[in-house]
Every structure is written in C-alpha cells, then in structure tokens.
C-alpha cells in the first residue's frame, strides 16, 4: 500500500509499512511510512496526555504547543496531538516480527475456513481503509466486493453471495443484525457470528437466550406479549451460532454468545474439529434412533398378525 501526496508542487509517494488503529487502551493511532529515500518514520496522533508522556526531553515547540492546547481547551475545542519519530530498519524489522506473532494463527484460520467452502463476511463499523482484518480477507480471496448499500434489498444478498467474501463498512450494530437476518431469510443458510465487543451483541445473541429472557419477564410480570418490552418481535433475528471473543473490548459479546474463547484462531478448531466430531456423533445417534424405533415398531406389527390387531395378549393355554 502506498500514499501519494503533493508537497510544494512535487508529487511524493510513500510506502505504508504498518498501521495501528485507535483503541480505548492505546488512545492513539500510529502509521509507519517509508520515504522515497529509504528512511522509515513513525507518525502518531492521539490525546495530548498520551502523546506528551512519550515525548523526548529535548522536544522542540513543547511549550508553545501546550499554550495552544490550553487556549483550545478554554474554547471547548477538541484537540489531538501529532508527533513523529525516525526509526531504524533493524527496529522496524524487530517490531514487524512481534506484530506478526501477535496475529497468531489469524491468516491461517481465514485461509482454512475458505478452503472448507465457508463464506466469510466482515461487518465492521470502521472505514474501508482500515487494513487489520480487511487486508487478511483480501489476501485469501481473489473475488471480493466491498458494499455499502441498502440492507433491505434481496439484490444485495444475491450479489454478495456470488462473492467469495464480503466486507460491509461503517455499519451500525442493528445493521449487522439485519445483514444476518437477510442471509437467513433469503438463502436459508446456517450462520455463525463472531465478535468481541458490545456492538456485536445484536448479531451474535442467540434467540434461545432472548426467549428465556422473555419467559422470565412474563413470569414475573404477566402482561400481553405484544406489548411487552422484552418481546421477541422487538429483537432482531440473530445468527444460528454466536461466538464471543474475550479481550480488550470487554465481556459483553462473551456473555451473549453460545461459545466463547480468547483468540480468533480457536474458531478453526471449533468448526473443523469439534464441529466435525459433533456431526459424526449426530449421524451415529440418528442411525441408532432409527434402528431402535424401527425394531420396536416392527415387533408390534409382527405380533398384530397373530393377535388379529386386537392388542390382546395371546393365550398360552
């Protein structure tokens, strides 16, 4: 990925080596660029308290910047600070190795899910140029569409299902649930939603949990169902299987899910290992269930020929 800008009438192209998104823990966003002359520089923007903690003692314009921040604060303006640091190639390579290790198993998991013919859709509230999760999808799929269209048209579902992967950007939590319900409604597909934050609860919350909540509310407060605030009619349909990831975004998704784990890579074992074992166990159970009922029923039919269908016990005298 590159960034091309116009500097003093001259076009300059920079290579983007890395991008760290803003989150509630870091309270800043960082980008690493490679200059045309080979230099590597880190740019960082964020809250003044976070940026000032990371400034070197001999930073220039520190006092004048603080004076400007105080003036902006008095005018109730929201401010962000921008800083930069030149880093060496060795430092960048060391950071890059650690960054790849932090993605432990994520690219491999996406690739194997795609090999299993599982359609992967990304529903995110971020912009389309945020590369952390979207870049991994692009690397594993050749046919991809990024959509921001009406979530009430069957044409959207038909078009999206023709793609190997779909990315929906800038969607709200309710729109995430609507996308899941559209797929279930028009394609009759089994859906699995996975998320790590409170904004993912709408699409991963199981209908069974909503139903139990409604029964509990109706038990302690028996009022007509159509007027009850906890009615299922007011809750958007969720996925068939909900998976929550415990992490920096809190535990809301975990508390609302059917399965929970700490890392995305465990989804591979959940689906491809435990999912297959569960499928095999279910097949064996159905075969045994069919054999048991067939044998139990056949005995009654066979005996009916001797009892004349009278359901009476045959005399032994």
C-alpha atoms as a PDB file:
ATOM      1  CA  UNK A   1       0.000   0.000   0.000  1.00  0.00           C
ATOM      2  CA  UNK A   2       1.233   3.466  -0.861  1.00  0.00           C
ATOM      3  CA  UNK A   3       0.261   7.059  -0.065  1.00  0.00           C
ATOM      4  CA  UNK A   4       0.727   9.699  -2.759  1.00  0.00           C
ATOM      5  CA  UNK A   5       0.520  13.384  -1.842  1.00  0.00           C
ATOM      6  CA  UNK A   6       1.509  16.711  -3.404  1.00  0.00           C
ATOM      7  CA  UNK A   7       4.288  18.502  -1.489  1.00  0.00           C
ATOM      8  CA  UNK A   8       5.251  22.015  -2.581  1.00  0.00           C
ATOM      9  CA  UNK A   9       4.112  21.259  -6.116  1.00  0.00           C
ATOM     10  CA  UNK A  10       6.004  17.943  -6.227  1.00  0.00           C
ATOM     11  CA  UNK A  11       4.291  14.550  -6.130  1.00  0.00           C
ATOM     12  CA  UNK A  12       5.681  12.241  -3.448  1.00  0.00           C
ATOM     13  CA  UNK A  13       4.844   8.584  -2.885  1.00  0.00           C
ATOM     14  CA  UNK A  14       5.306   6.894   0.495  1.00  0.00           C
ATOM     15  CA  UNK A  15       5.063   3.187   1.240  1.00  0.00           C
ATOM     16  CA  UNK A  16       2.830   2.293   4.191  1.00  0.00           C
ATOM     17  CA  UNK A  17       4.610  -0.361   6.247  1.00  0.00           C
ATOM     18  CA  UNK A  18       2.182  -0.601   9.136  1.00  0.00           C
ATOM     19  CA  UNK A  19      -0.975   0.836  10.658  1.00  0.00           C
ATOM     20  CA  UNK A  20      -2.101   0.575  14.273  1.00  0.00           C
ATOM     21  CA  UNK A  21      -5.732   1.524  14.809  1.00  0.00           C
ATOM     22  CA  UNK A  22      -7.042   3.662  17.628  1.00  0.00           C
ATOM     23  CA  UNK A  23      -8.460   1.810  20.626  1.00  0.00           C
ATOM     24  CA  UNK A  24      -9.517   2.645  24.142  1.00  0.00           C
ATOM     25  CA  UNK A  25      -6.300   1.258  25.660  1.00  0.00           C
ATOM     26  CA  UNK A  26      -3.715   2.940  23.436  1.00  0.00           C
ATOM     27  CA  UNK A  27      -5.757   6.148  22.953  1.00  0.00           C
ATOM     28  CA  UNK A  28      -3.761   6.883  19.845  1.00  0.00           C
ATOM     29  CA  UNK A  29      -3.331   5.838  16.219  1.00  0.00           C
ATOM     30  CA  UNK A  30       0.021   5.162  14.552  1.00  0.00           C
ATOM     31  CA  UNK A  31       1.260   4.715  10.998  1.00  0.00           C
ATOM     32  CA  UNK A  32       4.699   3.708   9.730  1.00  0.00           C
ATOM     33  CA  UNK A  33       5.827   5.135   6.385  1.00  0.00           C
ATOM     34  CA  UNK A  34       8.865   4.529   4.208  1.00  0.00           C
ATOM     35  CA  UNK A  35      10.180   7.624   2.430  1.00  0.00           C
ATOM     36  CA  UNK A  36      11.382   7.564  -1.177  1.00  0.00           C
ATOM     37  CA  UNK A  37      14.968   7.939   0.098  1.00  0.00           C
ATOM     38  CA  UNK A  38      14.618   4.825   2.288  1.00  0.00           C
ATOM     39  CA  UNK A  39      14.005   6.487   5.652  1.00  0.00           C
ATOM     40  CA  UNK A  40      11.366   4.955   7.939  1.00  0.00           C
ATOM     41  CA  UNK A  41       9.263   7.245  10.097  1.00  0.00           C
ATOM     42  CA  UNK A  42       6.535   6.607  12.658  1.00  0.00           C
ATOM     43  CA  UNK A  43       3.667   9.103  12.882  1.00  0.00           C
ATOM     44  CA  UNK A  44       1.348   9.029  15.869  1.00  0.00           C
ATOM     45  CA  UNK A  45      -1.764  11.038  16.736  1.00  0.00           C
ATOM     46  CA  UNK A  46      -3.842  10.930  19.866  1.00  0.00           C
ATOM     47  CA  UNK A  47      -4.853  12.667  23.061  1.00  0.00           C
ATOM     48  CA  UNK A  48      -2.422  15.249  24.420  1.00  0.00           C
ATOM     49  CA  UNK A  49      -1.951  13.377  27.696  1.00  0.00           C
ATOM     50  CA  UNK A  50      -0.901  10.224  25.853  1.00  0.00           C
ATOM     51  CA  UNK A  51       1.369  11.953  23.354  1.00  0.00           C
ATOM     52  CA  UNK A  52       3.125  14.159  25.927  1.00  0.00           C
ATOM     53  CA  UNK A  53       4.032  11.107  28.002  1.00  0.00           C
ATOM     54  CA  UNK A  54       6.019   9.761  25.056  1.00  0.00           C
ATOM     55  CA  UNK A  55       7.920  12.883  24.046  1.00  0.00           C
ATOM     56  CA  UNK A  56      11.668  13.074  24.466  1.00  0.00           C
ATOM     57  CA  UNK A  57      13.014  15.678  26.950  1.00  0.00           C
ATOM     58  CA  UNK A  58      14.573  17.805  24.187  1.00  0.00           C
ATOM     59  CA  UNK A  59      11.405  18.042  22.103  1.00  0.00           C
ATOM     60  CA  UNK A  60      11.029  21.361  20.286  1.00  0.00           C
ATOM     61  CA  UNK A  61       7.893  23.506  20.472  1.00  0.00           C
ATOM     62  CA  UNK A  62       6.639  21.640  23.543  1.00  0.00           C
ATOM     63  CA  UNK A  63       5.814  24.798  25.499  1.00  0.00           C
ATOM     64  CA  UNK A  64       4.205  26.625  22.583  1.00  0.00           C
ATOM     65  CA  UNK A  65       2.097  23.582  21.780  1.00  0.00           C
ATOM     66  CA  UNK A  66       0.933  23.344  25.394  1.00  0.00           C
ATOM     67  CA  UNK A  67      -0.049  27.004  25.305  1.00  0.00           C
ATOM     68  CA  UNK A  68      -2.100  26.418  22.157  1.00  0.00           C
ATOM     69  CA  UNK A  69      -3.761  23.379  23.758  1.00  0.00           C
ATOM     70  CA  UNK A  70      -4.760  25.430  26.790  1.00  0.00           C
ATOM     71  CA  UNK A  71      -6.291  28.091  24.562  1.00  0.00           C
ATOM     72  CA  UNK A  72      -8.241  25.485  22.590  1.00  0.00           C
ATOM     73  CA  UNK A  73      -9.433  23.865  25.824  1.00  0.00           C
ATOM     74  CA  UNK A  74     -10.733  27.206  27.102  1.00  0.00           C
ATOM     75  CA  UNK A  75     -12.750  27.487  23.901  1.00  0.00           C
ATOM     76  CA  UNK A  76     -14.130  23.935  24.500  1.00  0.00           C
ATOM     77  CA  UNK A  77     -12.485  22.630  21.340  1.00  0.00           C
ATOM     78  CA  UNK A  78     -11.472  19.031  20.884  1.00  0.00           C
ATOM     79  CA  UNK A  79      -7.766  18.663  20.169  1.00  0.00           C
ATOM     80  CA  UNK A  80      -5.389  15.933  19.025  1.00  0.00           C
ATOM     81  CA  UNK A  81      -1.609  15.967  19.056  1.00  0.00           C
ATOM     82  CA  UNK A  82       0.631  14.694  16.255  1.00  0.00           C
ATOM     83  CA  UNK A  83       4.192  13.506  16.727  1.00  0.00           C
ATOM     84  CA  UNK A  84       6.752  11.542  14.739  1.00  0.00           C
ATOM     85  CA  UNK A  85       9.937   9.556  15.205  1.00  0.00           C
ATOM     86  CA  UNK A  86      12.533   8.269  12.751  1.00  0.00           C
ATOM     87  CA  UNK A  87      13.233   4.591  13.336  1.00  0.00           C
ATOM     88  CA  UNK A  88      15.962   2.335  12.020  1.00  0.00           C
ATOM     89  CA  UNK A  89      15.468  -0.637   9.742  1.00  0.00           C
ATOM     90  CA  UNK A  90      16.502  -3.058  12.490  1.00  0.00           C
ATOM     91  CA  UNK A  91      13.978  -1.593  14.935  1.00  0.00           C
ATOM     92  CA  UNK A  92      11.222  -1.847  12.346  1.00  0.00           C
ATOM     93  CA  UNK A  93      12.076  -5.443  11.487  1.00  0.00           C
ATOM     94  CA  UNK A  94      12.050  -6.399  15.178  1.00  0.00           C
ATOM     95  CA  UNK A  95       8.653  -4.730  15.639  1.00  0.00           C
ATOM     96  CA  UNK A  96       7.303  -6.343  12.467  1.00  0.00           C
ATOM     97  CA  UNK A  97       8.191  -9.814  13.727  1.00  0.00           C
ATOM     98  CA  UNK A  98       6.410  -9.190  17.032  1.00  0.00           C
ATOM     99  CA  UNK A  99       3.402  -7.751  15.205  1.00  0.00           C
ATOM    100  CA  UNK A 100       3.074 -10.850  13.027  1.00  0.00           C
ATOM    101  CA  UNK A 101       3.370 -13.111  16.062  1.00  0.00           C
ATOM    102  CA  UNK A 102       0.532 -11.145  17.691  1.00  0.00           C
ATOM    103  CA  UNK A 103      -1.741 -12.234  14.812  1.00  0.00           C
ATOM    104  CA  UNK A 104      -1.131 -15.807  15.945  1.00  0.00           C
ATOM    105  CA  UNK A 105      -2.980 -18.077  13.520  1.00  0.00           C
ATOM    106  CA  UNK A 106      -5.410 -15.498  12.115  1.00  0.00           C
ATOM    107  CA  UNK A 107      -4.327 -15.670   8.430  1.00  0.00           C
ATOM    108  CA  UNK A 108      -4.146 -19.463   8.557  1.00  0.00           C
ATOM    109  CA  UNK A 109      -7.594 -19.683  10.121  1.00  0.00           C
ATOM    110  CA  UNK A 110      -9.164 -17.497   7.440  1.00  0.00           C
ATOM    111  CA  UNK A 111      -7.447 -19.483   4.688  1.00  0.00           C
ATOM    112  CA  UNK A 112      -8.615 -22.852   6.051  1.00  0.00           C
ATOM    113  CA  UNK A 113     -12.178 -21.633   6.552  1.00  0.00           C
ATOM    114  CA  UNK A 114     -12.173 -20.539   2.912  1.00  0.00           C
ATOM    115  CA  UNK A 115     -10.867 -23.975   1.865  1.00  0.00           C
ATOM    116  CA  UNK A 116     -13.796 -25.510   3.750  1.00  0.00           C
ATOM    117  CA  UNK A 117     -16.139 -23.501   1.455  1.00  0.00           C
ATOM    118  CA  UNK A 118     -17.290 -21.298   4.328  1.00  0.00           C
ATOM    119  CA  UNK A 119     -18.380 -17.848   3.164  1.00  0.00           C
ATOM    120  CA  UNK A 120     -16.680 -15.106   5.175  1.00  0.00           C
ATOM    121  CA  UNK A 121     -18.410 -11.761   5.645  1.00  0.00           C
ATOM    122  CA  UNK A 122     -16.841  -8.870   7.541  1.00  0.00           C
ATOM    123  CA  UNK A 123     -19.303  -6.476   9.181  1.00  0.00           C
ATOM    124  CA  UNK A 124     -17.396  -3.588  10.720  1.00  0.00           C
ATOM    125  CA  UNK A 125     -18.068  -0.096  11.863  1.00  0.00           C
ATOM    126  CA  UNK A 126     -14.629   1.039  10.714  1.00  0.00           C
ATOM    127  CA  UNK A 127     -13.670   2.659   7.436  1.00  0.00           C
ATOM    128  CA  UNK A 128     -12.873   0.547   4.412  1.00  0.00           C
ATOM    129  CA  UNK A 129      -9.180   1.542   4.500  1.00  0.00           C
ATOM    130  CA  UNK A 130      -8.553   0.009   7.942  1.00  0.00           C
ATOM    131  CA  UNK A 131      -6.326  -2.928   6.976  1.00  0.00           C
ATOM    132  CA  UNK A 132      -6.044  -5.125  10.070  1.00  0.00           C
ATOM    133  CA  UNK A 133      -8.886  -7.532   9.377  1.00  0.00           C
ATOM    134  CA  UNK A 134      -9.824  -6.485   5.856  1.00  0.00           C
ATOM    135  CA  UNK A 135      -6.310  -6.980   4.499  1.00  0.00           C
ATOM    136  CA  UNK A 136      -6.290 -10.579   5.735  1.00  0.00           C
ATOM    137  CA  UNK A 137      -9.543 -11.220   3.882  1.00  0.00           C
ATOM    138  CA  UNK A 138      -8.174  -9.671   0.695  1.00  0.00           C
ATOM    139  CA  UNK A 139      -5.039 -11.809   0.871  1.00  0.00           C
ATOM    140  CA  UNK A 140      -7.092 -15.013   0.958  1.00  0.00           C
ATOM    141  CA  UNK A 141      -9.746 -14.163  -1.645  1.00  0.00           C
ATOM    142  CA  UNK A 142      -9.384 -13.127  -5.248  1.00  0.00           C
ATOM    143  CA  UNK A 143     -13.002 -12.123  -5.786  1.00  0.00           C
ATOM    144  CA  UNK A 144     -14.126  -9.587  -3.243  1.00  0.00           C
ATOM    145  CA  UNK A 145     -16.696  -6.842  -3.042  1.00  0.00           C
ATOM    146  CA  UNK A 146     -16.918  -4.027  -0.512  1.00  0.00           C
ATOM    147  CA  UNK A 147     -20.528  -2.910  -0.207  1.00  0.00           C
ATOM    148  CA  UNK A 148     -22.339  -0.025   1.420  1.00  0.00           C
ATOM    149  CA  UNK A 149     -25.858  -0.456   0.057  1.00  0.00           C
ATOM    150  CA  UNK A 150     -29.379  -0.804   1.366  1.00  0.00           C
ATOM    151  CA  UNK A 151     -29.764  -3.741   3.731  1.00  0.00           C
ATOM    152  CA  UNK A 152     -33.393  -4.344   2.726  1.00  0.00           C
ATOM    153  CA  UNK A 153     -32.913  -5.493  -0.876  1.00  0.00           C
ATOM    154  CA  UNK A 154     -32.696  -9.101  -1.985  1.00  0.00           C
ATOM    155  CA  UNK A 155     -30.425  -7.891  -4.790  1.00  0.00           C
ATOM    156  CA  UNK A 156     -27.767  -7.161  -2.184  1.00  0.00           C
ATOM    157  CA  UNK A 157     -27.928 -10.734  -0.870  1.00  0.00           C
ATOM    158  CA  UNK A 158     -27.856 -12.244  -4.359  1.00  0.00           C
ATOM    159  CA  UNK A 159     -24.888 -10.103  -5.386  1.00  0.00           C
ATOM    160  CA  UNK A 160     -22.977 -10.682  -2.158  1.00  0.00           C
ATOM    161  CA  UNK A 161     -23.454 -14.452  -2.255  1.00  0.00           C
ATOM    162  CA  UNK A 162     -21.738 -14.547  -5.644  1.00  0.00           C
ATOM    163  CA  UNK A 163     -18.528 -13.336  -3.990  1.00  0.00           C
ATOM    164  CA  UNK A 164     -16.061 -15.385  -2.010  1.00  0.00           C
ATOM    165  CA  UNK A 165     -16.039 -12.771   0.760  1.00  0.00           C
ATOM    166  CA  UNK A 166     -17.957  -9.610   1.566  1.00  0.00           C
ATOM    167  CA  UNK A 167     -16.928  -6.535   3.547  1.00  0.00           C
ATOM    168  CA  UNK A 168     -19.575  -4.150   4.887  1.00  0.00           C
ATOM    169  CA  UNK A 169     -18.055  -0.983   6.334  1.00  0.00           C
ATOM    170  CA  UNK A 170     -19.490   1.757   8.524  1.00  0.00           C
ATOM    171  CA  UNK A 171     -22.397  -0.422   9.686  1.00  0.00           C
ATOM    172  CA  UNK A 172     -24.230   0.027  12.968  1.00  0.00           C
ATOM    173  CA  UNK A 173     -24.929  -2.813  15.419  1.00  0.00           C
ATOM    174  CA  UNK A 174     -28.532  -3.005  14.218  1.00  0.00           C
ATOM    175  CA  UNK A 175     -27.419  -3.180  10.593  1.00  0.00           C
ATOM    176  CA  UNK A 176     -25.116  -6.070  11.464  1.00  0.00           C
ATOM    177  CA  UNK A 177     -28.097  -7.993  12.790  1.00  0.00           C
ATOM    178  CA  UNK A 178     -30.111  -7.041   9.699  1.00  0.00           C
ATOM    179  CA  UNK A 179     -27.449  -8.457   7.375  1.00  0.00           C
ATOM    180  CA  UNK A 180     -27.516 -11.752   9.271  1.00  0.00           C
ATOM    181  CA  UNK A 181     -31.313 -11.888   9.124  1.00  0.00           C
ATOM    182  CA  UNK A 182     -31.268 -11.190   5.357  1.00  0.00           C
ATOM    183  CA  UNK A 183     -28.975 -14.152   4.729  1.00  0.00           C
ATOM    184  CA  UNK A 184     -31.108 -16.422   6.889  1.00  0.00           C
ATOM    185  CA  UNK A 185     -34.314 -15.221   5.248  1.00  0.00           C
ATOM    186  CA  UNK A 186     -33.387 -15.397   1.572  1.00  0.00           C
ATOM    187  CA  UNK A 187     -30.648 -18.058   1.490  1.00  0.00           C
ATOM    188  CA  UNK A 188     -31.813 -20.376   4.298  1.00  0.00           C
ATOM    189  CA  UNK A 189     -28.186 -20.719   5.331  1.00  0.00           C
ATOM    190  CA  UNK A 190     -26.713 -21.683   8.677  1.00  0.00           C
ATOM    191  CA  UNK A 191     -24.964 -18.581  10.007  1.00  0.00           C
ATOM    192  CA  UNK A 192     -22.268 -18.059  12.625  1.00  0.00           C
ATOM    193  CA  UNK A 193     -21.490 -14.613  14.014  1.00  0.00           C
ATOM    194  CA  UNK A 194     -18.290 -13.865  15.892  1.00  0.00           C
ATOM    195  CA  UNK A 195     -17.491 -10.630  17.701  1.00  0.00           C
ATOM    196  CA  UNK A 196     -15.541  -9.176  20.591  1.00  0.00           C
ATOM    197  CA  UNK A 197     -17.465  -6.075  21.629  1.00  0.00           C
ATOM    198  CA  UNK A 198     -20.806  -4.758  22.763  1.00  0.00           C
ATOM    199  CA  UNK A 199     -21.576  -3.567  19.227  1.00  0.00           C
ATOM    200  CA  UNK A 200     -21.584  -7.213  18.081  1.00  0.00           C
ATOM    201  CA  UNK A 201     -24.179  -8.430  20.589  1.00  0.00           C
ATOM    202  CA  UNK A 202     -27.132  -7.869  18.244  1.00  0.00           C
ATOM    203  CA  UNK A 203     -25.818 -10.257  15.629  1.00  0.00           C
ATOM    204  CA  UNK A 204     -24.463 -12.990  17.938  1.00  0.00           C
ATOM    205  CA  UNK A 205     -27.124 -13.092  20.657  1.00  0.00           C
ATOM    206  CA  UNK A 206     -28.962 -16.377  20.407  1.00  0.00           C
ATOM    207  CA  UNK A 207     -32.724 -16.421  20.004  1.00  0.00           C
ATOM    208  CA  UNK A 208     -32.926 -19.054  22.745  1.00  0.00           C
ATOM    209  CA  UNK A 209     -31.452 -16.577  25.221  1.00  0.00           C
ATOM    210  CA  UNK A 210     -33.961 -13.951  24.150  1.00  0.00           C
ATOM    211  CA  UNK A 211     -36.784 -16.466  24.508  1.00  0.00           C
ATOM    212  CA  UNK A 212     -35.714 -17.479  28.010  1.00  0.00           C
ATOM    213  CA  UNK A 213     -35.440 -13.821  28.972  1.00  0.00           C
ATOM    214  CA  UNK A 214     -38.934 -13.220  27.663  1.00  0.00           C
ATOM    215  CA  UNK A 215     -40.351 -16.188  29.615  1.00  0.00           C
ATOM    216  CA  UNK A 216     -38.690 -14.913  32.776  1.00  0.00           C
ATOM    217  CA  UNK A 217     -40.073 -11.410  32.273  1.00  0.00           C
ATOM    218  CA  UNK A 218     -43.540 -12.730  31.517  1.00  0.00           C
ATOM    219  CA  UNK A 219     -43.392 -14.920  34.623  1.00  0.00           C
ATOM    220  CA  UNK A 220     -42.602 -12.055  36.988  1.00  0.00           C
ATOM    221  CA  UNK A 221     -44.717  -9.520  35.088  1.00  0.00           C
ATOM    222  CA  UNK A 222     -47.569 -11.247  33.187  1.00  0.00           C
ATOM    223  CA  UNK A 223     -48.682  -8.727  30.586  1.00  0.00           C
ATOM    224  CA  UNK A 224     -49.725  -9.261  26.950  1.00  0.00           C
ATOM    225  CA  UNK A 225     -46.827 -10.440  24.774  1.00  0.00           C
ATOM    226  CA  UNK A 226     -47.373  -7.923  22.002  1.00  0.00           C
ATOM    227  CA  UNK A 227     -46.914  -5.019  24.428  1.00  0.00           C
ATOM    228  CA  UNK A 228     -44.065  -6.456  26.486  1.00  0.00           C
ATOM    229  CA  UNK A 229     -40.747  -4.630  26.004  1.00  0.00           C
ATOM    230  CA  UNK A 230     -38.823  -7.920  26.048  1.00  0.00           C
ATOM    231  CA  UNK A 231     -40.856  -9.494  23.268  1.00  0.00           C
ATOM    232  CA  UNK A 232     -39.036 -11.347  20.537  1.00  0.00           C
ATOM    233  CA  UNK A 233     -40.759  -9.165  17.978  1.00  0.00           C
ATOM    234  CA  UNK A 234     -38.584  -6.250  19.106  1.00  0.00           C
ATOM    235  CA  UNK A 235     -35.348  -8.256  18.970  1.00  0.00           C
ATOM    236  CA  UNK A 236     -33.724  -8.649  15.538  1.00  0.00           C
ATOM    237  CA  UNK A 237     -33.008 -12.247  14.493  1.00  0.00           C
ATOM    238  CA  UNK A 238     -29.509 -13.355  15.457  1.00  0.00           C
ATOM    239  CA  UNK A 239     -27.192 -15.937  13.935  1.00  0.00           C
ATOM    240  CA  UNK A 240     -27.723 -19.650  14.445  1.00  0.00           C
ATOM    241  CA  UNK A 241     -24.421 -19.830  16.334  1.00  0.00           C
ATOM    242  CA  UNK A 242     -22.939 -16.982  18.331  1.00  0.00           C
ATOM    243  CA  UNK A 243     -19.251 -16.838  19.251  1.00  0.00           C
ATOM    244  CA  UNK A 244     -17.718 -14.259  21.562  1.00  0.00           C
ATOM    245  CA  UNK A 245     -14.051 -13.358  21.901  1.00  0.00           C
ATOM    246  CA  UNK A 246     -12.877 -12.124  25.286  1.00  0.00           C
ATOM    247  CA  UNK A 247     -10.363  -9.321  25.028  1.00  0.00           C
ATOM    248  CA  UNK A 248      -9.882  -5.579  25.094  1.00  0.00           C
ATOM    249  CA  UNK A 249     -13.464  -4.773  24.121  1.00  0.00           C
ATOM    250  CA  UNK A 250     -14.975  -6.244  27.279  1.00  0.00           C
ATOM    251  CA  UNK A 251     -17.125  -9.284  28.024  1.00  0.00           C
ATOM    252  CA  UNK A 252     -20.489  -8.235  26.562  1.00  0.00           C
ATOM    253  CA  UNK A 253     -20.073 -10.397  23.467  1.00  0.00           C
ATOM    254  CA  UNK A 254     -18.916 -13.366  25.543  1.00  0.00           C
ATOM    255  CA  UNK A 255     -21.902 -13.147  27.892  1.00  0.00           C
ATOM    256  CA  UNK A 256     -24.307 -13.136  24.928  1.00  0.00           C
ATOM    257  CA  UNK A 257     -22.727 -15.948  22.911  1.00  0.00           C
ATOM    258  CA  UNK A 258     -23.110 -19.706  22.656  1.00  0.00           C
ATOM    259  CA  UNK A 259     -19.353 -20.327  22.600  1.00  0.00           C
ATOM    260  CA  UNK A 260     -16.525 -18.160  23.901  1.00  0.00           C
ATOM    261  CA  UNK A 261     -12.763 -18.244  23.571  1.00  0.00           C
ATOM    262  CA  UNK A 262      -9.804 -15.887  23.862  1.00  0.00           C
ATOM    263  CA  UNK A 263      -8.358 -15.870  20.327  1.00  0.00           C
ATOM    264  CA  UNK A 264      -9.767 -15.882  16.824  1.00  0.00           C
ATOM    265  CA  UNK A 265      -7.607 -18.831  15.768  1.00  0.00           C
ATOM    266  CA  UNK A 266      -9.609 -21.154  18.022  1.00  0.00           C
ATOM    267  CA  UNK A 267     -12.520 -20.765  15.594  1.00  0.00           C
ATOM    268  CA  UNK A 268     -10.702 -23.150  13.251  1.00  0.00           C
ATOM    269  CA  UNK A 269     -10.711 -25.957  15.820  1.00  0.00           C
ATOM    270  CA  UNK A 270     -14.278 -25.196  16.889  1.00  0.00           C
ATOM    271  CA  UNK A 271     -15.640 -25.597  13.361  1.00  0.00           C
ATOM    272  CA  UNK A 272     -13.302 -28.033  11.635  1.00  0.00           C
ATOM    273  CA  UNK A 273     -12.548 -30.364  14.552  1.00  0.00           C
ATOM    274  CA  UNK A 274     -15.281 -30.199  17.173  1.00  0.00           C
ATOM    275  CA  UNK A 275     -17.856 -29.362  14.515  1.00  0.00           C
ATOM    276  CA  UNK A 276     -16.997 -32.494  12.556  1.00  0.00           C
ATOM    277  CA  UNK A 277     -16.976 -34.642  15.693  1.00  0.00           C
ATOM    278  CA  UNK A 278     -20.399 -33.307  16.601  1.00  0.00           C
ATOM    279  CA  UNK A 279     -21.640 -34.053  13.073  1.00  0.00           C
ATOM    280  CA  UNK A 280     -20.351 -37.640  13.290  1.00  0.00           C
ATOM    281  CA  UNK A 281     -21.914 -38.153  16.723  1.00  0.00           C
ATOM    282  CA  UNK A 282     -25.227 -36.805  15.466  1.00  0.00           C
ATOM    283  CA  UNK A 283     -25.161 -39.152  12.467  1.00  0.00           C
ATOM    284  CA  UNK A 284     -24.490 -42.150  14.696  1.00  0.00           C
ATOM    285  CA  UNK A 285     -27.259 -41.075  17.058  1.00  0.00           C
ATOM    286  CA  UNK A 286     -29.782 -40.740  14.218  1.00  0.00           C
ATOM    287  CA  UNK A 287     -28.887 -44.161  12.838  1.00  0.00           C
ATOM    288  CA  UNK A 288     -29.284 -45.741  16.271  1.00  0.00           C
ATOM    289  CA  UNK A 289     -32.503 -43.809  16.872  1.00  0.00           C
ATOM    290  CA  UNK A 290     -33.922 -45.006  13.543  1.00  0.00           C
ATOM    291  CA  UNK A 291     -32.886 -48.628  14.194  1.00  0.00           C
ATOM    292  CA  UNK A 292     -34.333 -48.584  17.724  1.00  0.00           C
ATOM    293  CA  UNK A 293     -37.684 -47.188  16.638  1.00  0.00           C
ATOM    294  CA  UNK A 294     -37.861 -49.451  13.591  1.00  0.00           C
ATOM    295  CA  UNK A 295     -37.142 -52.555  15.665  1.00  0.00           C
ATOM    296  CA  UNK A 296     -39.552 -51.510  18.414  1.00  0.00           C
ATOM    297  CA  UNK A 297     -42.381 -50.801  15.948  1.00  0.00           C
ATOM    298  CA  UNK A 298     -41.781 -53.840  13.748  1.00  0.00           C
ATOM    299  CA  UNK A 299     -42.281 -56.175  16.722  1.00  0.00           C
ATOM    300  CA  UNK A 300     -45.763 -54.738  17.328  1.00  0.00           C
ATOM    301  CA  UNK A 301     -46.754 -55.067  13.699  1.00  0.00           C
ATOM    302  CA  UNK A 302     -45.423 -58.613  13.540  1.00  0.00           C
ATOM    303  CA  UNK A 303     -47.372 -59.618  16.655  1.00  0.00           C
ATOM    304  CA  UNK A 304     -50.539 -57.987  15.299  1.00  0.00           C
ATOM    305  CA  UNK A 305     -50.796 -60.752  12.704  1.00  0.00           C
ATOM    306  CA  UNK A 306     -51.185 -63.327  15.491  1.00  0.00           C
ATOM    307  CA  UNK A 307     -53.444 -61.245  17.778  1.00  0.00           C
ATOM    308  CA  UNK A 308     -55.753 -60.153  14.974  1.00  0.00           C
ATOM    309  CA  UNK A 309     -54.941 -56.493  15.636  1.00  0.00           C
ATOM    310  CA  UNK A 310     -56.858 -56.774  18.921  1.00  0.00           C
ATOM    311  CA  UNK A 311     -53.987 -55.634  21.153  1.00  0.00           C
ATOM    312  CA  UNK A 312     -54.742 -58.608  23.379  1.00  0.00           C
ATOM    313  CA  UNK A 313     -52.194 -60.983  24.833  1.00  0.00           C
ATOM    314  CA  UNK A 314     -52.135 -64.298  23.038  1.00  0.00           C
ATOM    315  CA  UNK A 315     -53.281 -67.179  25.266  1.00  0.00           C
ATOM    316  CA  UNK A 316     -50.690 -69.821  26.022  1.00  0.00           C
ATOM    317  CA  UNK A 317     -53.219 -72.492  27.214  1.00  0.00           C
END
